[in-house]
């Protein structure tokens, strides 16, 4: 790990955050997409809970 650390410079340009694209911004604000994701996540949680109770 020490070998890796000597090559990493924390304030270089390649350590900046990513800027979201127009598509990513659209998906974050699209109500239909958020509803779909909500349903999918809840279904996954139901599966996990059902497995734990059987």
PDB file of N, CA and C in Angstrom:
ATOM      1  N   UNK A   1       0.816  -1.187   0.000  1.00  0.00           N
ATOM      2  CA  UNK A   1       0.000   0.000   0.000  1.00  0.00           C
ATOM      3  C   UNK A   1       0.864   1.256   0.000  1.00  0.00           C
ATOM      4  N   UNK A   2       1.981   1.225   0.675  1.00  0.00           N
ATOM      5  CA  UNK A   2       2.870   2.389   0.722  1.00  0.00           C
ATOM      6  C   UNK A   2       3.412   2.732  -0.661  1.00  0.00           C
ATOM      7  N   UNK A   3       3.629   1.706  -1.496  1.00  0.00           N
ATOM      8  CA  UNK A   3       4.127   1.961  -2.846  1.00  0.00           C
ATOM      9  C   UNK A   3       3.101   2.726  -3.673  1.00  0.00           C
ATOM     10  N   UNK A   4       1.853   2.368  -3.523  1.00  0.00           N
ATOM     11  CA  UNK A   4       0.791   3.051  -4.255  1.00  0.00           C
ATOM     12  C   UNK A   4       0.670   4.497  -3.780  1.00  0.00           C
ATOM     13  N   UNK A   5       0.754   4.700  -2.480  1.00  0.00           N
ATOM     14  CA  UNK A   5       0.565   6.033  -1.908  1.00  0.00           C
ATOM     15  C   UNK A   5       1.608   7.033  -2.393  1.00  0.00           C
ATOM     16  N   UNK A   6       2.803   6.594  -2.693  1.00  0.00           N
ATOM     17  CA  UNK A   6       3.819   7.557  -3.114  1.00  0.00           C
ATOM     18  C   UNK A   6       3.583   8.047  -4.550  1.00  0.00           C
ATOM     19  N   UNK A   7       2.744   7.335  -5.329  1.00  0.00           N
ATOM     20  CA  UNK A   7       2.432   7.777  -6.678  1.00  0.00           C
ATOM     21  C   UNK A   7       1.136   8.591  -6.752  1.00  0.00           C
ATOM     22  N   UNK A   8       0.352   8.574  -5.690  1.00  0.00           N
ATOM     23  CA  UNK A   8      -0.921   9.291  -5.679  1.00  0.00           C
ATOM     24  C   UNK A   8      -0.703  10.689  -5.127  1.00  0.00           C
ATOM     25  N   UNK A   9      -1.102  11.671  -5.924  1.00  0.00           N
ATOM     26  CA  UNK A   9      -1.018  13.058  -5.486  1.00  0.00           C
ATOM     27  C   UNK A   9      -2.453  13.581  -5.391  1.00  0.00           C
ATOM     28  N   UNK A  10      -2.945  13.832  -4.175  1.00  0.00           N
ATOM     29  CA  UNK A  10      -4.376  14.065  -3.981  1.00  0.00           C
ATOM     30  C   UNK A  10      -4.948  15.317  -4.626  1.00  0.00           C
ATOM     31  N   UNK A  11      -4.155  16.305  -4.972  1.00  0.00           N
ATOM     32  CA  UNK A  11      -4.721  17.543  -5.516  1.00  0.00           C
ATOM     33  C   UNK A  11      -4.423  17.730  -7.002  1.00  0.00           C
ATOM     34  N   UNK A  12      -4.183  16.632  -7.705  1.00  0.00           N
ATOM     35  CA  UNK A  12      -3.975  16.713  -9.145  1.00  0.00           C
ATOM     36  C   UNK A  12      -5.316  16.823  -9.859  1.00  0.00           C
ATOM     37  N   UNK A  13      -5.284  17.186 -11.118  1.00  0.00           N
ATOM     38  CA  UNK A  13      -6.505  17.400 -11.893  1.00  0.00           C
ATOM     39  C   UNK A  13      -7.338  16.128 -12.066  1.00  0.00           C
ATOM     40  N   UNK A  14      -6.712  14.965 -12.049  1.00  0.00           N
ATOM     41  CA  UNK A  14      -7.474  13.732 -12.261  1.00  0.00           C
ATOM     42  C   UNK A  14      -8.228  13.273 -11.011  1.00  0.00           C
ATOM     43  N   UNK A  15      -8.205  14.026  -9.943  1.00  0.00           N
ATOM     44  CA  UNK A  15      -8.951  13.677  -8.734  1.00  0.00           C
ATOM     45  C   UNK A  15     -10.162  14.581  -8.541  1.00  0.00           C
ATOM     46  N   UNK A  16     -10.631  15.219  -9.603  1.00  0.00           N
ATOM     47  CA  UNK A  16     -11.820  16.042  -9.488  1.00  0.00           C
ATOM     48  C   UNK A  16     -13.060  15.172  -9.600  1.00  0.00           C
ATOM     49  N   UNK A  17     -14.195  15.705  -9.210  1.00  0.00           N
ATOM     50  CA  UNK A  17     -15.440  14.943  -9.310  1.00  0.00           C
ATOM     51  C   UNK A  17     -15.930  14.948 -10.749  1.00  0.00           C
ATOM     52  N   UNK A  18     -16.707  13.935 -11.081  1.00  0.00           N
ATOM     53  CA  UNK A  18     -17.251  13.839 -12.429  1.00  0.00           C
ATOM     54  C   UNK A  18     -18.403  14.818 -12.589  1.00  0.00           C
ATOM     55  N   UNK A  19     -18.521  15.414 -13.759  1.00  0.00           N
ATOM     56  CA  UNK A  19     -19.626  16.309 -14.064  1.00  0.00           C
ATOM     57  C   UNK A  19     -20.698  15.489 -14.765  1.00  0.00           C
ATOM     58  N   UNK A  20     -21.927  15.512 -14.253  1.00  0.00           N
ATOM     59  CA  UNK A  20     -22.965  14.685 -14.874  1.00  0.00           C
ATOM     60  C   UNK A  20     -23.315  15.165 -16.283  1.00  0.00           C
ATOM     61  N   UNK A  21     -23.612  14.209 -17.136  1.00  0.00           N
ATOM     62  CA  UNK A  21     -24.000  14.527 -18.507  1.00  0.00           C
ATOM     63  C   UNK A  21     -25.464  14.969 -18.529  1.00  0.00           C
ATOM     64  N   UNK A  22     -25.917  15.424 -19.692  1.00  0.00           N
ATOM     65  CA  UNK A  22     -27.315  15.837 -19.827  1.00  0.00           C
ATOM     66  C   UNK A  22     -28.250  14.658 -19.576  1.00  0.00           C
ATOM     67  N   UNK A  23     -27.841  13.466 -20.037  1.00  0.00           N
ATOM     68  CA  UNK A  23     -28.671  12.278 -19.826  1.00  0.00           C
ATOM     69  C   UNK A  23     -28.791  11.950 -18.341  1.00  0.00           C
ATOM     70  N   UNK A  24     -27.700  12.037 -17.619  1.00  0.00           N
ATOM     71  CA  UNK A  24     -27.720  11.753 -16.177  1.00  0.00           C
ATOM     72  C   UNK A  24     -28.605  12.763 -15.454  1.00  0.00           C
ATOM     73  N   UNK A  25     -28.485  14.024 -15.811  1.00  0.00           N
ATOM     74  CA  UNK A  25     -29.336  15.052 -15.195  1.00  0.00           C
ATOM     75  C   UNK A  25     -30.810  14.776 -15.484  1.00  0.00           C
ATOM     76  N   UNK A  26     -31.099  14.371 -16.716  1.00  0.00           N
ATOM     77  CA  UNK A  26     -32.479  14.048 -17.075  1.00  0.00           C
ATOM     78  C   UNK A  26     -33.002  12.878 -16.242  1.00  0.00           C
ATOM     79  N   UNK A  27     -32.188  11.821 -16.114  1.00  0.00           N
ATOM     80  CA  UNK A  27     -32.633  10.649 -15.364  1.00  0.00           C
ATOM     81  C   UNK A  27     -32.822  10.962 -13.879  1.00  0.00           C
ATOM     82  N   UNK A  28     -32.052  11.874 -13.340  1.00  0.00           N
ATOM     83  CA  UNK A  28     -32.197  12.253 -11.935  1.00  0.00           C
ATOM     84  C   UNK A  28     -33.459  13.064 -11.684  1.00  0.00           C
ATOM     85  N   UNK A  29     -33.955  13.752 -12.696  1.00  0.00           N
ATOM     86  CA  UNK A  29     -35.124  14.605 -12.513  1.00  0.00           C
ATOM     87  C   UNK A  29     -36.391  14.043 -13.146  1.00  0.00           C
ATOM     88  N   UNK A  30     -36.290  12.942 -13.856  1.00  0.00           N
ATOM     89  CA  UNK A  30     -37.444  12.340 -14.520  1.00  0.00           C
ATOM     90  C   UNK A  30     -38.311  11.598 -13.495  1.00  0.00           C
ATOM     91  N   UNK A  31     -39.549  12.065 -13.337  1.00  0.00           N
ATOM     92  CA  UNK A  31     -40.448  11.491 -12.327  1.00  0.00           C
ATOM     93  C   UNK A  31     -40.788  10.041 -12.661  1.00  0.00           C
ATOM     94  N   UNK A  32     -41.033   9.744 -13.924  1.00  0.00           N
ATOM     95  CA  UNK A  32     -41.372   8.363 -14.303  1.00  0.00           C
ATOM     96  C   UNK A  32     -40.231   7.400 -13.980  1.00  0.00           C
ATOM     97  N   UNK A  33     -39.002   7.816 -14.237  1.00  0.00           N
ATOM     98  CA  UNK A  33     -37.846   6.964 -13.941  1.00  0.00           C
ATOM     99  C   UNK A  33     -37.717   6.755 -12.427  1.00  0.00           C
ATOM    100  N   UNK A  34     -37.966   7.810 -11.660  1.00  0.00           N
ATOM    101  CA  UNK A  34     -37.865   7.695 -10.197  1.00  0.00           C
ATOM    102  C   UNK A  34     -38.939   6.757  -9.649  1.00  0.00           C
ATOM    103  N   UNK A  35     -40.124   6.816 -10.210  1.00  0.00           N
ATOM    104  CA  UNK A  35     -41.197   5.899  -9.778  1.00  0.00           C
ATOM    105  C   UNK A  35     -40.821   4.455 -10.104  1.00  0.00           C
ATOM    106  N   UNK A  36     -40.298   4.241 -11.300  1.00  0.00           N
ATOM    107  CA  UNK A  36     -39.876   2.891 -11.684  1.00  0.00           C
ATOM    108  C   UNK A  36     -38.787   2.370 -10.755  1.00  0.00           C
ATOM    109  N   UNK A  37     -37.787   3.192 -10.464  1.00  0.00           N
ATOM    110  CA  UNK A  37     -36.705   2.781  -9.569  1.00  0.00           C
ATOM    111  C   UNK A  37     -37.246   2.491  -8.167  1.00  0.00           C
ATOM    112  N   UNK A  38     -38.195   3.293  -7.701  1.00  0.00           N
ATOM    113  CA  UNK A  38     -38.815   3.086  -6.395  1.00  0.00           C
ATOM    114  C   UNK A  38     -39.485   1.720  -6.338  1.00  0.00           C
ATOM    115  N   UNK A  39     -40.222   1.390  -7.395  1.00  0.00           N
ATOM    116  CA  UNK A  39     -40.903   0.093  -7.444  1.00  0.00           C
ATOM    117  C   UNK A  39     -39.896  -1.048  -7.444  1.00  0.00           C
ATOM    118  N   UNK A  40     -38.854  -0.937  -8.245  1.00  0.00           N
ATOM    119  CA  UNK A  40     -37.848  -2.002  -8.328  1.00  0.00           C
ATOM    120  C   UNK A  40     -37.156  -2.199  -6.989  1.00  0.00           C
ATOM    121  N   UNK A  41     -36.774  -1.106  -6.343  1.00  0.00           N
ATOM    122  CA  UNK A  41     -36.086  -1.209  -5.044  1.00  0.00           C
ATOM    123  C   UNK A  41     -37.008  -1.833  -4.003  1.00  0.00           C
ATOM    124  N   UNK A  42     -38.272  -1.449  -4.007  1.00  0.00           N
ATOM    125  CA  UNK A  42     -39.211  -2.029  -3.041  1.00  0.00           C
ATOM    126  C   UNK A  42     -39.446  -3.511  -3.296  1.00  0.00           C
ATOM    127  N   UNK A  43     -39.493  -3.910  -4.552  1.00  0.00           N
ATOM    128  CA  UNK A  43     -39.632  -5.336  -4.851  1.00  0.00           C
ATOM    129  C   UNK A  43     -38.416  -6.122  -4.355  1.00  0.00           C
ATOM    130  N   UNK A  44     -37.233  -5.542  -4.526  1.00  0.00           N
ATOM    131  CA  UNK A  44     -36.026  -6.206  -4.027  1.00  0.00           C
ATOM    132  C   UNK A  44     -36.074  -6.342  -2.510  1.00  0.00           C
ATOM    133  N   UNK A  45     -36.549  -5.300  -1.838  1.00  0.00           N
ATOM    134  CA  UNK A  45     -36.649  -5.372  -0.374  1.00  0.00           C
ATOM    135  C   UNK A  45     -37.662  -6.426   0.053  1.00  0.00           C
ATOM    136  N   UNK A  46     -38.760  -6.536  -0.675  1.00  0.00           N
ATOM    137  CA  UNK A  46     -39.759  -7.562  -0.355  1.00  0.00           C
ATOM    138  C   UNK A  46     -39.160  -8.958  -0.486  1.00  0.00           C
ATOM    139  N   UNK A  47     -38.356  -9.177  -1.496  1.00  0.00           N
ATOM    140  CA  UNK A  47     -37.715 -10.478  -1.679  1.00  0.00           C
ATOM    141  C   UNK A  47     -36.788 -10.780  -0.507  1.00  0.00           C
ATOM    142  N   UNK A  48     -36.016  -9.799  -0.093  1.00  0.00           N
ATOM    143  CA  UNK A  48     -35.083 -10.006   1.027  1.00  0.00           C
ATOM    144  C   UNK A  48     -35.848 -10.294   2.317  1.00  0.00           C
ATOM    145  N   UNK A  49     -36.902  -9.554   2.576  1.00  0.00           N
ATOM    146  CA  UNK A  49     -37.698  -9.771   3.798  1.00  0.00           C
ATOM    147  C   UNK A  49     -38.384 -11.122   3.756  1.00  0.00           C
ATOM    148  N   UNK A  50     -38.905 -11.480   2.597  1.00  0.00           N
ATOM    149  CA  UNK A  50     -39.587 -12.780   2.483  1.00  0.00           C
ATOM    150  C   UNK A  50     -38.603 -13.933   2.727  1.00  0.00           C
ATOM    151  N   UNK A  51     -37.360 -13.795   2.231  1.00  0.00           N
ATOM    152  CA  UNK A  51     -36.357 -14.839   2.453  1.00  0.00           C
ATOM    153  C   UNK A  51     -36.008 -14.954   3.932  1.00  0.00           C
ATOM    154  N   UNK A  52     -35.979 -13.829   4.625  1.00  0.00           N
ATOM    155  CA  UNK A  52     -35.582 -13.857   6.037  1.00  0.00           C
ATOM    156  C   UNK A  52     -36.687 -14.426   6.926  1.00  0.00           C
ATOM    157  N   UNK A  53     -37.936 -14.387   6.466  1.00  0.00           N
ATOM    158  CA  UNK A  53     -39.050 -14.874   7.282  1.00  0.00           C
ATOM    159  C   UNK A  53     -39.447 -16.307   6.957  1.00  0.00           C
ATOM    160  N   UNK A  54     -38.771 -16.921   6.018  1.00  0.00           N
ATOM    161  CA  UNK A  54     -39.155 -18.305   5.695  1.00  0.00           C
ATOM    162  C   UNK A  54     -38.247 -19.306   6.345  1.00  0.00           C
TER     163      UNK A  54
END
